[in-house]
């Protein structure tokens, strides 16, 4: 499949089969994440791949929605603001940009492997930090459910036209 087809196929999945994701597929996805670019190649990220039931159950409480209950894997993308590049002219921290690039690599690689994902940014950060026992300088930025989609059909993507985004 070409890149445009892959991008069109990737969508936010909110219904998952309860079956486990193969370790080989998760390893492949995380290798794609590892290859993501970052500002000045600082790679200011850490990822927790959570599949064990005790931690998975606790982590799901950080985003208590019914649709997440069957997810067999949650990946937590975290940033390290102490390692991120800060632009000299205005001090802008690029950690969030860098982790966003890595997370989209994750989502596209998962799609290529026949897996569904969804960006979840509205979650209980303190609870997530507690479950993963994260140090103060590591910030959970995104929860990414990963698994086999139980959705029958993908809804049409609503995107602005090229004329609306170019100037």
Protein backbone atom coordinates (compact mmCIF):
# COMPACT_ATOMS: atom_id res chain seq x y z
CA UNK A 1 0.00 0.00 0.00
CA UNK A 2 1.30 3.47 -0.76
CA UNK A 3 1.64 6.17 1.90
CA UNK A 4 -1.54 8.07 0.97
CA UNK A 5 -3.57 4.84 1.19
CA UNK A 6 -2.06 4.13 4.62
CA UNK A 7 -2.86 7.64 5.85
CA UNK A 8 -6.43 7.35 4.59
CA UNK A 9 -6.82 3.97 6.31
CA UNK A 10 -5.59 5.22 9.73
CA UNK A 11 -8.43 6.46 11.90
CA UNK A 12 -9.42 6.67 15.55
CA UNK A 13 -10.70 3.28 16.65
CA UNK A 14 -13.08 3.25 19.60
CA UNK A 15 -14.15 -0.38 19.58
CA UNK A 16 -11.64 -3.18 20.09
CA UNK A 17 -11.64 -6.96 20.09
CA UNK A 18 -10.39 -8.29 23.43
CA UNK A 19 -7.72 -10.51 21.83
CA UNK A 20 -4.07 -9.85 22.57
CA UNK A 21 -1.72 -8.16 20.13
CA UNK A 22 1.23 -10.28 19.08
CA UNK A 23 4.57 -9.25 20.59
CA UNK A 24 6.15 -9.20 17.11
CA UNK A 25 3.65 -6.59 15.96
CA UNK A 26 4.21 -4.43 19.05
CA UNK A 27 7.97 -4.73 18.57
CA UNK A 28 7.62 -3.65 14.93
CA UNK A 29 5.47 -0.67 15.88
CA UNK A 30 7.91 0.42 18.57
CA UNK A 31 10.85 0.08 16.16
CA UNK A 32 9.00 2.49 13.86
CA UNK A 33 8.54 4.83 16.83
CA UNK A 34 12.25 4.60 17.61
CA UNK A 35 13.04 5.83 14.10
CA UNK A 36 10.89 8.98 14.40
CA UNK A 37 12.67 12.30 13.95
CA UNK A 38 12.93 14.88 16.70
CA UNK A 39 14.32 18.39 17.07
CA UNK A 40 18.14 18.19 17.10
CA UNK A 41 17.66 14.39 17.35
CA UNK A 42 17.27 14.71 21.15
CA UNK A 43 14.51 12.05 21.24
CA UNK A 44 13.01 13.39 24.50
CA UNK A 45 10.52 10.58 24.93
CA UNK A 46 9.81 7.42 26.86
CA UNK A 47 7.09 4.89 26.07
CA UNK A 48 5.38 2.40 28.35
CA UNK A 49 3.84 -0.56 26.50
CA UNK A 50 1.31 -1.95 28.96
CA UNK A 51 -0.25 -5.36 28.32
CA UNK A 52 -0.13 -7.01 31.76
CA UNK A 53 -3.62 -7.16 33.26
CA UNK A 54 -2.95 -5.58 36.68
CA UNK A 55 -1.31 -2.41 35.28
CA UNK A 56 -3.63 -2.32 32.27
CA UNK A 57 -6.71 -2.33 34.51
CA UNK A 58 -5.27 0.44 36.67
CA UNK A 59 -4.24 2.51 33.64
CA UNK A 60 -7.69 2.23 32.07
CA UNK A 61 -9.02 4.11 35.11
CA UNK A 62 -7.10 7.16 33.85
CA UNK A 63 -9.59 7.28 30.96
CA UNK A 64 -12.76 5.59 32.24
CA UNK A 65 -14.76 5.30 29.01
CA UNK A 66 -16.70 2.16 28.14
CA UNK A 67 -15.04 1.77 24.74
CA UNK A 68 -11.57 1.36 26.25
CA UNK A 69 -12.54 -1.60 28.44
CA UNK A 70 -11.61 -4.27 25.84
CA UNK A 71 -8.30 -2.74 24.76
CA UNK A 72 -5.55 -5.34 25.19
CA UNK A 73 -2.70 -2.82 25.12
CA UNK A 74 -2.19 0.79 26.16
CA UNK A 75 0.93 2.64 25.14
CA UNK A 76 1.76 5.74 27.15
CA UNK A 77 3.88 8.30 25.33
CA UNK A 78 5.80 10.47 27.77
CA UNK A 79 8.05 13.50 27.34
CA UNK A 80 11.16 14.53 29.17
CA UNK A 81 11.31 18.32 29.22
CA UNK A 82 14.85 18.17 30.63
CA UNK A 83 16.07 16.43 27.45
CA UNK A 84 14.00 18.29 24.86
CA UNK A 85 15.33 20.98 22.55
CA UNK A 86 14.33 24.56 23.38
CA UNK A 87 14.47 27.13 20.60
CA UNK A 88 17.01 29.82 21.43
CA UNK A 89 15.05 32.81 20.08
CA UNK A 90 12.02 32.34 22.35
CA UNK A 91 12.67 29.28 24.54
CA UNK A 92 9.90 27.21 22.90
CA UNK A 93 10.05 23.62 24.19
CA UNK A 94 9.70 21.13 21.31
CA UNK A 95 8.99 18.06 23.48
CA UNK A 96 5.28 17.98 22.60
CA UNK A 97 6.02 18.35 18.89
CA UNK A 98 8.61 15.58 19.03
CA UNK A 99 6.37 13.13 20.86
CA UNK A 100 3.50 13.93 18.48
CA UNK A 101 5.68 12.92 15.54
CA UNK A 102 6.62 9.68 17.32
CA UNK A 103 2.99 8.91 18.22
CA UNK A 104 1.88 9.37 14.64
CA UNK A 105 4.66 7.00 13.54
CA UNK A 106 3.16 4.58 16.10
CA UNK A 107 -0.38 4.98 14.77
CA UNK A 108 0.64 4.59 11.13
CA UNK A 109 2.83 1.55 11.85
CA UNK A 110 -0.02 -0.03 13.83
CA UNK A 111 -2.41 0.59 10.95
CA UNK A 112 0.04 -1.05 8.55
CA UNK A 113 0.08 -4.09 10.88
CA UNK A 114 -3.73 -4.34 10.85
CA UNK A 115 -4.14 -2.76 14.29
CA UNK A 116 -6.34 0.08 15.46
CA UNK A 117 -5.29 3.05 17.59
CA UNK A 118 -6.69 6.26 18.98
CA UNK A 119 -5.01 9.39 20.34
CA UNK A 120 -6.20 10.02 23.91
CA UNK A 121 -4.96 13.26 25.43
CA UNK A 122 -7.75 13.95 27.94
CA UNK A 123 -6.79 11.55 30.73
CA UNK A 124 -5.93 11.58 34.43
CA UNK A 125 -2.21 12.43 34.32
CA UNK A 126 -1.57 12.06 38.08
CA UNK A 127 -3.16 8.59 38.09
CA UNK A 128 -1.18 7.59 35.01
CA UNK A 129 2.01 8.87 36.64
CA UNK A 130 1.21 6.85 39.77
CA UNK A 131 0.41 3.61 37.93
CA UNK A 132 3.64 3.83 35.92
CA UNK A 133 5.66 5.17 38.89
CA UNK A 134 7.08 7.97 36.77
CA UNK A 135 9.66 10.41 38.09
CA UNK A 136 8.70 14.09 38.23
CA UNK A 137 10.62 15.04 35.06
CA UNK A 138 8.72 12.51 32.89
CA UNK A 139 5.30 13.76 31.77
CA UNK A 140 2.64 11.43 30.32
CA UNK A 141 1.45 13.16 27.15
CA UNK A 142 -0.68 10.67 25.20
CA UNK A 143 -2.44 7.37 25.87
CA UNK A 144 -2.67 5.19 22.78
CA UNK A 145 -4.98 2.19 22.89
CA UNK A 146 -3.69 -0.49 20.50
CA UNK A 147 -5.57 -3.56 19.37
CA UNK A 148 -7.69 -5.20 16.71
CA UNK A 149 -10.62 -3.07 15.66
CA UNK A 150 -14.10 -4.43 16.32
CA UNK A 151 -15.63 -1.74 14.12
CA UNK A 152 -17.44 -2.96 11.04
CA UNK A 153 -16.85 0.13 8.92
CA UNK A 154 -14.67 3.19 9.08
CA UNK A 155 -16.61 6.45 8.98
CA UNK A 156 -15.66 8.97 6.32
CA UNK A 157 -12.91 11.37 7.34
CA UNK A 158 -13.92 15.02 7.46
CA UNK A 159 -10.99 17.09 6.26
CA UNK A 160 -10.64 20.60 4.93
CA UNK A 161 -9.88 20.90 1.21
CA UNK A 162 -6.39 21.81 0.03
CA UNK A 163 -7.67 25.30 -0.84
CA UNK A 164 -8.66 25.78 2.79
CA UNK A 165 -5.27 24.84 4.24
CA UNK A 166 -2.91 26.44 1.73
CA UNK A 167 -2.12 30.13 1.53
